[in-house]
Amino acid sequence: MERVINLTRAEISSHQNPRIKSLRRLIQKRERDRTGSYLIEGFHLLEEALLNGAEVESILYSDAMVAQHAEDWQKIEVALSRYIKHLESSLQSSPSKSDATLSITTVELITVPESIIKLLADTATPQGVLAVIRQPSRTLHSFLALGEDRPLPHLLLLDGVQDPGNVGTMIRTAEAAGFQGVILGEGSADLYNPKSIRATQGALFQIPILSGVSLLNLLPTLHEAGYCSWVTTLEDAQFYTQLTNPKRCALIMGNEGQGVSPQLQKMAKQKVKIPMLGATESLNVGVAAAILIYHLLEGDHGA
């Protein structure tokens, strides 16, 4: 029997509607964790979500607001059509496949007034479109498998990076450089914080990401899998320019103020540092990550 994806339409006009109240609570991490869903806003992020197969549960939009962005809205309609066809094709070819996107049976388009968009949006000047996305469920095995087709077999690990903007920026940089994936250790900012999402500029839909992981427990497993861990520190470290790039690198970046935890520093295979020739004592963690990420693209790839 042919299996189809249903595209339903609804209209909500009241701020007191239970659905709107529920979506409003997604601003809290606790609610995002409980429901397994999060909000995105803006045409670019929604288009990236659709084109990259994120699990889009519903799309909320204001007719009056999207009318001011007719070309952008047209791109969303095209991407949504392709998204539905892709899901239906996947259901026909692999009806038992466990990929998260295949759990989608309905995509809901909800028309709302501008006031509700502004109520739910995190930005001061929203574009008029938001979407509810389901968080992917991944194990370490599925995470690594998803990244096998990426250009480079390197991982970026974040140890207690607390600023959402830094988290999003480093995810974006790792994706741009072709890294295999990003792992957010315990104590790092929430991937689904609106500021983290915006800073990724859609990269969170393009590169495998694993969140809430104990890096202390994970690192030995990565070592067994052939990854050489690099940790950024100033003590007993070598300049990154003096090192031969490993074939598989797990690059660990630390907390903005405290750096990488002492325990991880002891466990890492290689301590690295960046030359500081001026009076400045340190770099922003996102800048430091970008320098090392792109260094790993260059030169010889030794053992």
C-alpha atoms as a PDB file:
ATOM      1  CA  MET A   1       0.000   0.000   0.000  1.00  0.00           C
ATOM      2  CA  GLU A   2       1.323   3.439  -0.933  1.00  0.00           C
ATOM      3  CA  ARG A   3       2.270   5.525   2.079  1.00  0.00           C
ATOM      4  CA  VAL A   4       1.907   9.295   1.832  1.00  0.00           C
ATOM      5  CA  ILE A   5       2.864  12.321   3.885  1.00  0.00           C
ATOM      6  CA  ASN A   6      -0.133  14.442   4.816  1.00  0.00           C
ATOM      7  CA  LEU A   7       0.124  18.214   4.464  1.00  0.00           C
ATOM      8  CA  THR A   8      -2.528  19.747   6.694  1.00  0.00           C
ATOM      9  CA  ARG A   9      -3.533  23.361   7.177  1.00  0.00           C
ATOM     10  CA  ALA A  10      -4.856  25.176  10.230  1.00  0.00           C
ATOM     11  CA  GLU A  11      -5.364  28.691  11.527  1.00  0.00           C
ATOM     12  CA  ILE A  12      -4.748  29.955  15.052  1.00  0.00           C
ATOM     13  CA  SER A  13      -5.615  33.515  16.023  1.00  0.00           C
ATOM     14  CA  SER A  14      -5.559  33.561  19.825  1.00  0.00           C
ATOM     15  CA  HIS A  15      -2.537  33.930  22.091  1.00  0.00           C
ATOM     16  CA  GLN A  16      -4.444  31.823  24.611  1.00  0.00           C
ATOM     17  CA  ASN A  17      -4.643  28.832  22.313  1.00  0.00           C
ATOM     18  CA  PRO A  18      -3.119  25.806  24.131  1.00  0.00           C
ATOM     19  CA  ARG A  19      -0.921  25.079  21.124  1.00  0.00           C
ATOM     20  CA  ILE A  20       0.601  28.563  21.234  1.00  0.00           C
ATOM     21  CA  LYS A  21       1.141  28.326  24.984  1.00  0.00           C
ATOM     22  CA  SER A  22       2.921  25.012  24.471  1.00  0.00           C
ATOM     23  CA  LEU A  23       5.158  26.450  21.750  1.00  0.00           C
ATOM     24  CA  ARG A  24       5.932  29.456  23.911  1.00  0.00           C
ATOM     25  CA  ARG A  25       7.374  27.123  26.546  1.00  0.00           C
ATOM     26  CA  LEU A  26       9.941  25.824  24.043  1.00  0.00           C
ATOM     27  CA  ILE A  27      12.009  28.887  24.880  1.00  0.00           C
ATOM     28  CA  GLN A  28      13.033  26.910  27.980  1.00  0.00           C
ATOM     29  CA  LYS A  29      15.635  24.152  27.660  1.00  0.00           C
ATOM     30  CA  ARG A  30      13.716  22.019  30.141  1.00  0.00           C
ATOM     31  CA  GLU A  31      10.686  22.031  27.849  1.00  0.00           C
ATOM     32  CA  ARG A  32      12.792  21.340  24.760  1.00  0.00           C
ATOM     33  CA  ASP A  33      14.306  18.345  26.530  1.00  0.00           C
ATOM     34  CA  ARG A  34      10.889  17.121  27.678  1.00  0.00           C
ATOM     35  CA  THR A  35       9.204  17.349  24.291  1.00  0.00           C
ATOM     36  CA  GLY A  36      12.191  16.606  22.088  1.00  0.00           C
ATOM     37  CA  SER A  37      11.257  19.571  19.893  1.00  0.00           C
ATOM     38  CA  TYR A  38      12.601  23.060  19.292  1.00  0.00           C
ATOM     39  CA  LEU A  39      11.775  26.225  17.349  1.00  0.00           C
ATOM     40  CA  ILE A  40      13.608  27.791  14.445  1.00  0.00           C
ATOM     41  CA  GLU A  41      12.763  31.072  12.756  1.00  0.00           C
ATOM     42  CA  GLY A  42      13.469  32.720   9.453  1.00  0.00           C
ATOM     43  CA  PHE A  43      13.427  31.668   5.810  1.00  0.00           C
ATOM     44  CA  HIS A  44      17.061  30.573   5.578  1.00  0.00           C
ATOM     45  CA  LEU A  45      16.982  28.199   8.549  1.00  0.00           C
ATOM     46  CA  LEU A  46      13.666  26.682   7.475  1.00  0.00           C
ATOM     47  CA  GLU A  47      14.876  26.140   3.922  1.00  0.00           C
ATOM     48  CA  GLU A  48      18.045  24.448   5.219  1.00  0.00           C
ATOM     49  CA  ALA A  49      15.962  22.248   7.535  1.00  0.00           C
ATOM     50  CA  LEU A  50      13.752  21.121   4.655  1.00  0.00           C
ATOM     51  CA  LEU A  51      16.564  20.609   2.153  1.00  0.00           C
ATOM     52  CA  ASN A  52      18.627  18.569   4.629  1.00  0.00           C
ATOM     53  CA  GLY A  53      15.855  16.290   5.851  1.00  0.00           C
ATOM     54  CA  ALA A  54      15.274  17.608   9.374  1.00  0.00           C
ATOM     55  CA  GLU A  55      12.092  16.356  11.012  1.00  0.00           C
ATOM     56  CA  VAL A  56       9.772  19.319  10.455  1.00  0.00           C
ATOM     57  CA  GLU A  57       6.595  18.898  12.497  1.00  0.00           C
ATOM     58  CA  SER A  58       4.855  22.181  11.722  1.00  0.00           C
ATOM     59  CA  ILE A  59       5.391  25.547  10.054  1.00  0.00           C
ATOM     60  CA  LEU A  60       3.819  28.718  11.422  1.00  0.00           C
ATOM     61  CA  TYR A  61       3.593  31.815   9.263  1.00  0.00           C
ATOM     62  CA  SER A  62       1.895  35.183   9.004  1.00  0.00           C
ATOM     63  CA  ASP A  63       0.363  35.908   5.591  1.00  0.00           C
ATOM     64  CA  ALA A  64       0.942  39.623   6.023  1.00  0.00           C
ATOM     65  CA  MET A  65       4.591  39.202   6.982  1.00  0.00           C
ATOM     66  CA  VAL A  66       5.610  36.619   4.370  1.00  0.00           C
ATOM     67  CA  ALA A  67       3.915  38.736   1.685  1.00  0.00           C
ATOM     68  CA  GLN A  68       6.778  41.165   2.185  1.00  0.00           C
ATOM     69  CA  HIS A  69       9.235  38.360   1.341  1.00  0.00           C
ATOM     70  CA  ALA A  70       7.480  36.758  -1.633  1.00  0.00           C
ATOM     71  CA  GLU A  71      10.637  35.352  -3.222  1.00  0.00           C
ATOM     72  CA  ASP A  72      11.822  33.799   0.043  1.00  0.00           C
ATOM     73  CA  TRP A  73       8.409  32.271   0.698  1.00  0.00           C
ATOM     74  CA  GLN A  74       8.375  30.791  -2.801  1.00  0.00           C
ATOM     75  CA  LYS A  75      11.682  29.047  -2.008  1.00  0.00           C
ATOM     76  CA  ILE A  76      10.069  27.564   1.110  1.00  0.00           C
ATOM     77  CA  GLU A  77       7.138  26.226  -0.898  1.00  0.00           C
ATOM     78  CA  VAL A  78       9.517  24.585  -3.392  1.00  0.00           C
ATOM     79  CA  ALA A  79      11.669  23.121  -0.604  1.00  0.00           C
ATOM     80  CA  LEU A  80       8.574  21.834   1.221  1.00  0.00           C
ATOM     81  CA  SER A  81       7.321  20.099  -1.917  1.00  0.00           C
ATOM     82  CA  ARG A  82      10.694  18.399  -2.407  1.00  0.00           C
ATOM     83  CA  TYR A  83      10.817  17.481   1.276  1.00  0.00           C
ATOM     84  CA  ILE A  84       7.462  15.704   1.155  1.00  0.00           C
ATOM     85  CA  LYS A  85       8.342  13.861  -2.062  1.00  0.00           C
ATOM     86  CA  HIS A  86      11.655  12.762  -0.533  1.00  0.00           C
ATOM     87  CA  LEU A  87       9.965  11.405   2.587  1.00  0.00           C
ATOM     88  CA  GLU A  88       7.323   9.579   0.559  1.00  0.00           C
ATOM     89  CA  SER A  89      10.014   8.066  -1.665  1.00  0.00           C
ATOM     90  CA  SER A  90      11.940   6.924   1.413  1.00  0.00           C
ATOM     91  CA  LEU A  91       8.819   5.350   2.881  1.00  0.00           C
ATOM     92  CA  GLN A  92       8.168   3.399  -0.321  1.00  0.00           C
ATOM     93  CA  SER A  93      11.741   2.168  -0.736  1.00  0.00           C
ATOM     94  CA  SER A  94      12.538   1.503   2.946  1.00  0.00           C
ATOM     95  CA  PRO A  95       9.288   1.265   4.920  1.00  0.00           C
ATOM     96  CA  SER A  96      11.039  -0.289   7.920  1.00  0.00           C
ATOM     97  CA  LYS A  97      14.008   2.073   7.946  1.00  0.00           C
ATOM     98  CA  SER A  98      14.607   3.545  11.402  1.00  0.00           C
ATOM     99  CA  ASP A  99      15.877   6.941  10.223  1.00  0.00           C
ATOM    100  CA  ALA A 100      14.255   9.651  12.361  1.00  0.00           C
ATOM    101  CA  THR A 101      12.836  11.562   9.407  1.00  0.00           C
ATOM    102  CA  LEU A 102      10.727   8.562   8.420  1.00  0.00           C
ATOM    103  CA  SER A 103       8.593   8.926  11.541  1.00  0.00           C
ATOM    104  CA  ILE A 104       7.014  11.988   9.919  1.00  0.00           C
ATOM    105  CA  THR A 105       3.462  11.319   8.704  1.00  0.00           C
ATOM    106  CA  THR A 106       2.069  14.857   8.783  1.00  0.00           C
ATOM    107  CA  VAL A 107       3.491  18.311   8.169  1.00  0.00           C
ATOM    108  CA  GLU A 108       1.218  21.056   9.455  1.00  0.00           C
ATOM    109  CA  LEU A 109       1.007  24.555   7.979  1.00  0.00           C
ATOM    110  CA  ILE A 110      -0.448  26.962  10.534  1.00  0.00           C
ATOM    111  CA  THR A 111      -1.492  30.500   9.673  1.00  0.00           C
ATOM    112  CA  VAL A 112      -1.132  32.911  12.600  1.00  0.00           C
ATOM    113  CA  PRO A 113      -1.304  36.694  13.037  1.00  0.00           C
ATOM    114  CA  GLU A 114       1.836  38.802  13.197  1.00  0.00           C
ATOM    115  CA  SER A 115       1.403  39.214  16.960  1.00  0.00           C
ATOM    116  CA  ILE A 116       1.824  35.464  17.545  1.00  0.00           C
ATOM    117  CA  ILE A 117       4.943  35.362  15.381  1.00  0.00           C
ATOM    118  CA  LYS A 118       6.422  38.145  17.499  1.00  0.00           C
ATOM    119  CA  LEU A 119       5.363  36.353  20.689  1.00  0.00           C
ATOM    120  CA  LEU A 120       7.203  33.165  19.702  1.00  0.00           C
ATOM    121  CA  ALA A 121      10.191  34.664  17.893  1.00  0.00           C
ATOM    122  CA  ASP A 122      13.530  35.277  19.594  1.00  0.00           C
ATOM    123  CA  THR A 123      14.639  38.058  17.251  1.00  0.00           C
ATOM    124  CA  ALA A 124      13.534  41.694  17.440  1.00  0.00           C
ATOM    125  CA  THR A 125      12.437  41.806  13.792  1.00  0.00           C
ATOM    126  CA  PRO A 126      11.150  38.345  12.801  1.00  0.00           C
ATOM    127  CA  GLN A 127      10.575  37.554   9.134  1.00  0.00           C
ATOM    128  CA  GLY A 128       7.175  35.984   9.670  1.00  0.00           C
ATOM    129  CA  VAL A 129       7.901  32.265   9.588  1.00  0.00           C
ATOM    130  CA  LEU A 130       8.795  29.745  12.305  1.00  0.00           C
ATOM    131  CA  ALA A 131       8.933  25.973  12.441  1.00  0.00           C
ATOM    132  CA  VAL A 132       8.813  23.250  15.056  1.00  0.00           C
ATOM    133  CA  ILE A 133      11.589  20.691  14.534  1.00  0.00           C
ATOM    134  CA  ARG A 134      12.057  17.348  16.264  1.00  0.00           C
ATOM    135  CA  GLN A 135      15.467  16.692  17.764  1.00  0.00           C
ATOM    136  CA  PRO A 136      17.237  13.724  16.140  1.00  0.00           C
ATOM    137  CA  SER A 137      17.945  10.740  18.365  1.00  0.00           C
ATOM    138  CA  ARG A 138      21.489   9.457  17.879  1.00  0.00           C
ATOM    139  CA  THR A 139      23.875   6.969  19.430  1.00  0.00           C
ATOM    140  CA  LEU A 140      27.648   7.305  19.067  1.00  0.00           C
ATOM    141  CA  HIS A 141      27.562   4.534  16.462  1.00  0.00           C
ATOM    142  CA  SER A 142      24.867   6.194  14.347  1.00  0.00           C
ATOM    143  CA  PHE A 143      26.570   9.571  14.778  1.00  0.00           C
ATOM    144  CA  LEU A 144      29.885   8.271  13.418  1.00  0.00           C
ATOM    145  CA  ALA A 145      28.120   6.383  10.624  1.00  0.00           C
ATOM    146  CA  LEU A 146      26.317   9.539   9.498  1.00  0.00           C
ATOM    147  CA  GLY A 147      29.640  11.325   9.186  1.00  0.00           C
ATOM    148  CA  GLU A 148      31.378   8.667   7.093  1.00  0.00           C
ATOM    149  CA  ASP A 149      30.630  10.492   3.842  1.00  0.00           C
ATOM    150  CA  ARG A 150      31.917  13.836   5.078  1.00  0.00           C
ATOM    151  CA  PRO A 151      35.152  15.127   3.431  1.00  0.00           C
ATOM    152  CA  LEU A 152      37.425  14.808   6.500  1.00  0.00           C
ATOM    153  CA  PRO A 153      37.498  12.177   9.292  1.00  0.00           C
ATOM    154  CA  HIS A 154      37.983  14.729  12.075  1.00  0.00           C
ATOM    155  CA  LEU A 155      35.745  15.521  15.044  1.00  0.00           C
ATOM    156  CA  LEU A 156      35.268  18.726  17.027  1.00  0.00           C
ATOM    157  CA  LEU A 157      34.601  18.216  20.752  1.00  0.00           C
ATOM    158  CA  LEU A 158      33.365  21.070  22.943  1.00  0.00           C
ATOM    159  CA  ASP A 159      34.147  20.846  26.647  1.00  0.00           C
ATOM    160  CA  GLY A 160      31.932  23.198  28.652  1.00  0.00           C
ATOM    161  CA  VAL A 161      31.710  25.931  25.997  1.00  0.00           C
ATOM    162  CA  GLN A 162      28.950  28.015  27.533  1.00  0.00           C
ATOM    163  CA  ASP A 163      28.287  30.840  25.090  1.00  0.00           C
ATOM    164  CA  PRO A 164      25.592  29.811  22.558  1.00  0.00           C
ATOM    165  CA  GLY A 165      27.114  32.074  19.925  1.00  0.00           C
ATOM    166  CA  ASN A 166      30.487  30.367  20.268  1.00  0.00           C
ATOM    167  CA  VAL A 167      28.891  26.928  20.061  1.00  0.00           C
ATOM    168  CA  GLY A 168      26.990  27.821  16.904  1.00  0.00           C
ATOM    169  CA  THR A 169      29.973  29.506  15.293  1.00  0.00           C
ATOM    170  CA  MET A 170      32.240  26.501  15.870  1.00  0.00           C
ATOM    171  CA  ILE A 171      29.626  24.125  14.471  1.00  0.00           C
ATOM    172  CA  ARG A 172      29.389  26.318  11.377  1.00  0.00           C
ATOM    173  CA  THR A 173      33.185  26.371  10.995  1.00  0.00           C
ATOM    174  CA  ALA A 174      33.523  22.605  11.437  1.00  0.00           C
ATOM    175  CA  GLU A 175      30.834  22.014   8.821  1.00  0.00           C
ATOM    176  CA  ALA A 176      32.453  24.433   6.377  1.00  0.00           C
ATOM    177  CA  ALA A 177      35.782  22.624   6.782  1.00  0.00           C
ATOM    178  CA  GLY A 178      34.186  19.249   6.095  1.00  0.00           C
ATOM    179  CA  PHE A 179      34.603  17.753   9.570  1.00  0.00           C
ATOM    180  CA  GLN A 180      32.945  14.418  10.281  1.00  0.00           C
ATOM    181  CA  GLY A 181      30.907  15.737  13.199  1.00  0.00           C
ATOM    182  CA  VAL A 182      30.664  17.818  16.366  1.00  0.00           C
ATOM    183  CA  ILE A 183      30.218  16.526  19.919  1.00  0.00           C
ATOM    184  CA  LEU A 184      28.902  18.842  22.640  1.00  0.00           C
ATOM    185  CA  GLY A 185      30.150  17.690  26.015  1.00  0.00           C
ATOM    186  CA  GLU A 186      28.266  18.080  29.265  1.00  0.00           C
ATOM    187  CA  GLY A 187      28.196  21.679  30.452  1.00  0.00           C
ATOM    188  CA  SER A 188      28.224  23.176  26.966  1.00  0.00           C
ATOM    189  CA  ALA A 189      25.478  25.534  25.822  1.00  0.00           C
ATOM    190  CA  ASP A 190      22.326  23.894  24.507  1.00  0.00           C
ATOM    191  CA  LEU A 191      22.495  23.195  20.777  1.00  0.00           C
ATOM    192  CA  TYR A 192      18.835  24.186  20.472  1.00  0.00           C
ATOM    193  CA  ASN A 193      19.162  27.529  22.207  1.00  0.00           C
ATOM    194  CA  PRO A 194      17.878  30.101  19.658  1.00  0.00           C
ATOM    195  CA  LYS A 195      21.231  31.920  19.692  1.00  0.00           C
ATOM    196  CA  SER A 196      23.136  28.681  19.042  1.00  0.00           C
ATOM    197  CA  ILE A 197      20.814  27.845  16.168  1.00  0.00           C
ATOM    198  CA  ARG A 198      21.169  31.262  14.544  1.00  0.00           C
ATOM    199  CA  ALA A 199      24.956  31.195  14.869  1.00  0.00           C
ATOM    200  CA  THR A 200      25.124  27.897  12.967  1.00  0.00           C
ATOM    201  CA  GLN A 201      23.411  29.549   9.970  1.00  0.00           C
ATOM    202  CA  GLY A 202      21.846  26.187   9.158  1.00  0.00           C
ATOM    203  CA  ALA A 203      24.996  24.093   9.664  1.00  0.00           C
ATOM    204  CA  LEU A 204      23.290  22.095  12.431  1.00  0.00           C
ATOM    205  CA  PHE A 205      21.197  20.484   9.659  1.00  0.00           C
ATOM    206  CA  GLN A 206      24.259  19.651   7.545  1.00  0.00           C
ATOM    207  CA  ILE A 207      26.755  18.055   9.945  1.00  0.00           C
ATOM    208  CA  PRO A 208      26.123  15.246  12.472  1.00  0.00           C
ATOM    209  CA  ILE A 209      26.004  16.546  16.059  1.00  0.00           C
ATOM    210  CA  LEU A 210      25.920  14.637  19.345  1.00  0.00           C
ATOM    211  CA  SER A 211      24.903  16.510  22.514  1.00  0.00           C
ATOM    212  CA  GLY A 212      25.122  16.079  26.275  1.00  0.00           C
ATOM    213  CA  VAL A 213      27.958  13.562  26.158  1.00  0.00           C
ATOM    214  CA  SER A 214      30.481  12.803  28.908  1.00  0.00           C
ATOM    215  CA  LEU A 215      33.753  13.495  27.125  1.00  0.00           C
ATOM    216  CA  LEU A 216      35.655  11.711  29.899  1.00  0.00           C
ATOM    217  CA  ASN A 217      33.792   8.509  29.073  1.00  0.00           C
ATOM    218  CA  LEU A 218      33.857   9.092  25.327  1.00  0.00           C
ATOM    219  CA  LEU A 219      37.535   9.850  24.742  1.00  0.00           C
ATOM    220  CA  PRO A 220      38.872   6.307  25.369  1.00  0.00           C
ATOM    221  CA  THR A 221      36.328   5.001  22.857  1.00  0.00           C
ATOM    222  CA  LEU A 222      37.489   7.504  20.254  1.00  0.00           C
ATOM    223  CA  HIS A 223      41.111   6.550  20.904  1.00  0.00           C
ATOM    224  CA  GLU A 224      40.234   2.895  20.320  1.00  0.00           C
ATOM    225  CA  ALA A 225      38.539   3.919  17.063  1.00  0.00           C
ATOM    226  CA  GLY A 226      41.782   5.485  15.848  1.00  0.00           C
ATOM    227  CA  TYR A 227      41.296   9.153  16.685  1.00  0.00           C
ATOM    228  CA  CYS A 228      44.243  11.169  17.989  1.00  0.00           C
ATOM    229  CA  SER A 229      42.938  13.726  20.478  1.00  0.00           C
ATOM    230  CA  TRP A 230      44.291  17.260  20.417  1.00  0.00           C
ATOM    231  CA  VAL A 231      43.612  19.445  23.437  1.00  0.00           C
ATOM    232  CA  THR A 232      44.198  23.194  23.553  1.00  0.00           C
ATOM    233  CA  THR A 233      46.242  24.378  26.524  1.00  0.00           C
ATOM    234  CA  LEU A 234      49.244  26.587  27.295  1.00  0.00           C
ATOM    235  CA  GLU A 235      51.025  24.176  29.644  1.00  0.00           C
ATOM    236  CA  ASP A 236      53.480  21.621  28.228  1.00  0.00           C
ATOM    237  CA  ALA A 237      52.025  22.160  24.763  1.00  0.00           C
ATOM    238  CA  GLN A 238      53.551  22.316  21.293  1.00  0.00           C
ATOM    239  CA  PHE A 239      52.732  24.924  18.686  1.00  0.00           C
ATOM    240  CA  TYR A 240      50.255  23.426  16.246  1.00  0.00           C
ATOM    241  CA  THR A 241      52.542  24.434  13.368  1.00  0.00           C
ATOM    242  CA  GLN A 242      55.188  22.011  14.653  1.00  0.00           C
ATOM    243  CA  LEU A 243      52.912  18.981  14.481  1.00  0.00           C
ATOM    244  CA  THR A 244      52.092  16.490  11.761  1.00  0.00           C
ATOM    245  CA  ASN A 245      48.362  16.294  11.246  1.00  0.00           C
ATOM    246  CA  PRO A 246      46.852  12.983  12.365  1.00  0.00           C
ATOM    247  CA  LYS A 247      44.727  10.950   9.978  1.00  0.00           C
ATOM    248  CA  ARG A 248      41.829  11.170  12.421  1.00  0.00           C
ATOM    249  CA  CYS A 249      41.753  14.018  14.915  1.00  0.00           C
ATOM    250  CA  ALA A 250      39.414  14.674  17.829  1.00  0.00           C
ATOM    251  CA  LEU A 251      39.994  18.387  18.439  1.00  0.00           C
ATOM    252  CA  ILE A 252      38.918  19.428  21.951  1.00  0.00           C
ATOM    253  CA  MET A 253      38.057  23.081  22.634  1.00  0.00           C
ATOM    254  CA  GLY A 254      37.349  24.220  26.182  1.00  0.00           C
ATOM    255  CA  ASN A 255      35.372  26.604  28.330  1.00  0.00           C
ATOM    256  CA  GLU A 256      35.781  30.312  27.570  1.00  0.00           C
ATOM    257  CA  GLY A 257      37.273  31.108  30.976  1.00  0.00           C
ATOM    258  CA  GLN A 258      38.728  27.860  32.312  1.00  0.00           C
ATOM    259  CA  GLY A 259      39.741  26.082  29.127  1.00  0.00           C
ATOM    260  CA  VAL A 260      39.673  22.311  28.761  1.00  0.00           C
ATOM    261  CA  SER A 261      39.224  20.417  32.032  1.00  0.00           C
ATOM    262  CA  PRO A 262      42.407  19.068  33.691  1.00  0.00           C
ATOM    263  CA  GLN A 263      41.084  15.503  33.408  1.00  0.00           C
ATOM    264  CA  LEU A 264      40.700  15.753  29.639  1.00  0.00           C
ATOM    265  CA  GLN A 265      44.093  17.412  29.326  1.00  0.00           C
ATOM    266  CA  LYS A 266      45.660  14.382  31.003  1.00  0.00           C
ATOM    267  CA  MET A 267      43.791  11.953  28.767  1.00  0.00           C
ATOM    268  CA  ALA A 268      44.513  13.713  25.462  1.00  0.00           C
ATOM    269  CA  LYS A 269      47.188  12.353  23.136  1.00  0.00           C
ATOM    270  CA  GLN A 270      48.560  15.767  22.154  1.00  0.00           C
ATOM    271  CA  LYS A 271      48.582  19.219  23.795  1.00  0.00           C
ATOM    272  CA  VAL A 272      48.606  22.085  21.310  1.00  0.00           C
ATOM    273  CA  LYS A 273      48.835  25.860  21.482  1.00  0.00           C
ATOM    274  CA  ILE A 274      48.607  28.812  19.101  1.00  0.00           C
ATOM    275  CA  PRO A 275      51.474  31.328  18.846  1.00  0.00           C
ATOM    276  CA  MET A 276      50.675  34.642  20.599  1.00  0.00           C
ATOM    277  CA  LEU A 277      53.255  37.199  19.464  1.00  0.00           C
ATOM    278  CA  GLY A 278      51.529  40.330  20.710  1.00  0.00           C
ATOM    279  CA  ALA A 279      50.442  41.459  24.166  1.00  0.00           C
ATOM    280  CA  THR A 280      47.055  39.718  23.961  1.00  0.00           C
ATOM    281  CA  GLU A 281      46.932  36.742  26.320  1.00  0.00           C
ATOM    282  CA  SER A 282      44.272  34.655  24.627  1.00  0.00           C
ATOM    283  CA  LEU A 283      41.923  34.313  21.671  1.00  0.00           C
ATOM    284  CA  ASN A 284      38.178  33.851  21.573  1.00  0.00           C
ATOM    285  CA  VAL A 285      37.521  30.111  21.616  1.00  0.00           C
ATOM    286  CA  GLY A 286      35.677  30.305  18.301  1.00  0.00           C
ATOM    287  CA  VAL A 287      38.630  32.035  16.650  1.00  0.00           C
ATOM    288  CA  ALA A 288      41.103  29.540  18.116  1.00  0.00           C
ATOM    289  CA  ALA A 289      38.937  26.663  16.914  1.00  0.00           C
ATOM    290  CA  ALA A 290      38.813  28.083  13.390  1.00  0.00           C
ATOM    291  CA  ILE A 291      42.615  28.346  13.239  1.00  0.00           C
ATOM    292  CA  LEU A 292      43.100  24.724  14.306  1.00  0.00           C
ATOM    293  CA  ILE A 293      40.207  23.363  12.249  1.00  0.00           C
ATOM    294  CA  TYR A 294      41.612  24.809   9.061  1.00  0.00           C
ATOM    295  CA  HIS A 295      45.147  23.782   9.962  1.00  0.00           C
ATOM    296  CA  LEU A 296      43.909  20.193   9.989  1.00  0.00           C
ATOM    297  CA  LEU A 297      43.006  20.582   6.314  1.00  0.00           C
ATOM    298  CA  GLU A 298      46.586  21.322   5.352  1.00  0.00           C
ATOM    299  CA  GLY A 299      49.922  19.549   5.086  1.00  0.00           C
ATOM    300  CA  ASP A 300      50.860  15.925   5.504  1.00  0.00           C
ATOM    301  CA  HIS A 301      48.490  13.515   7.192  1.00  0.00           C
ATOM    302  CA  GLY A 302      50.637  11.238   9.280  1.00  0.00           C
ATOM    303  CA  ALA A 303      49.746   8.486  11.709  1.00  0.00           C
END
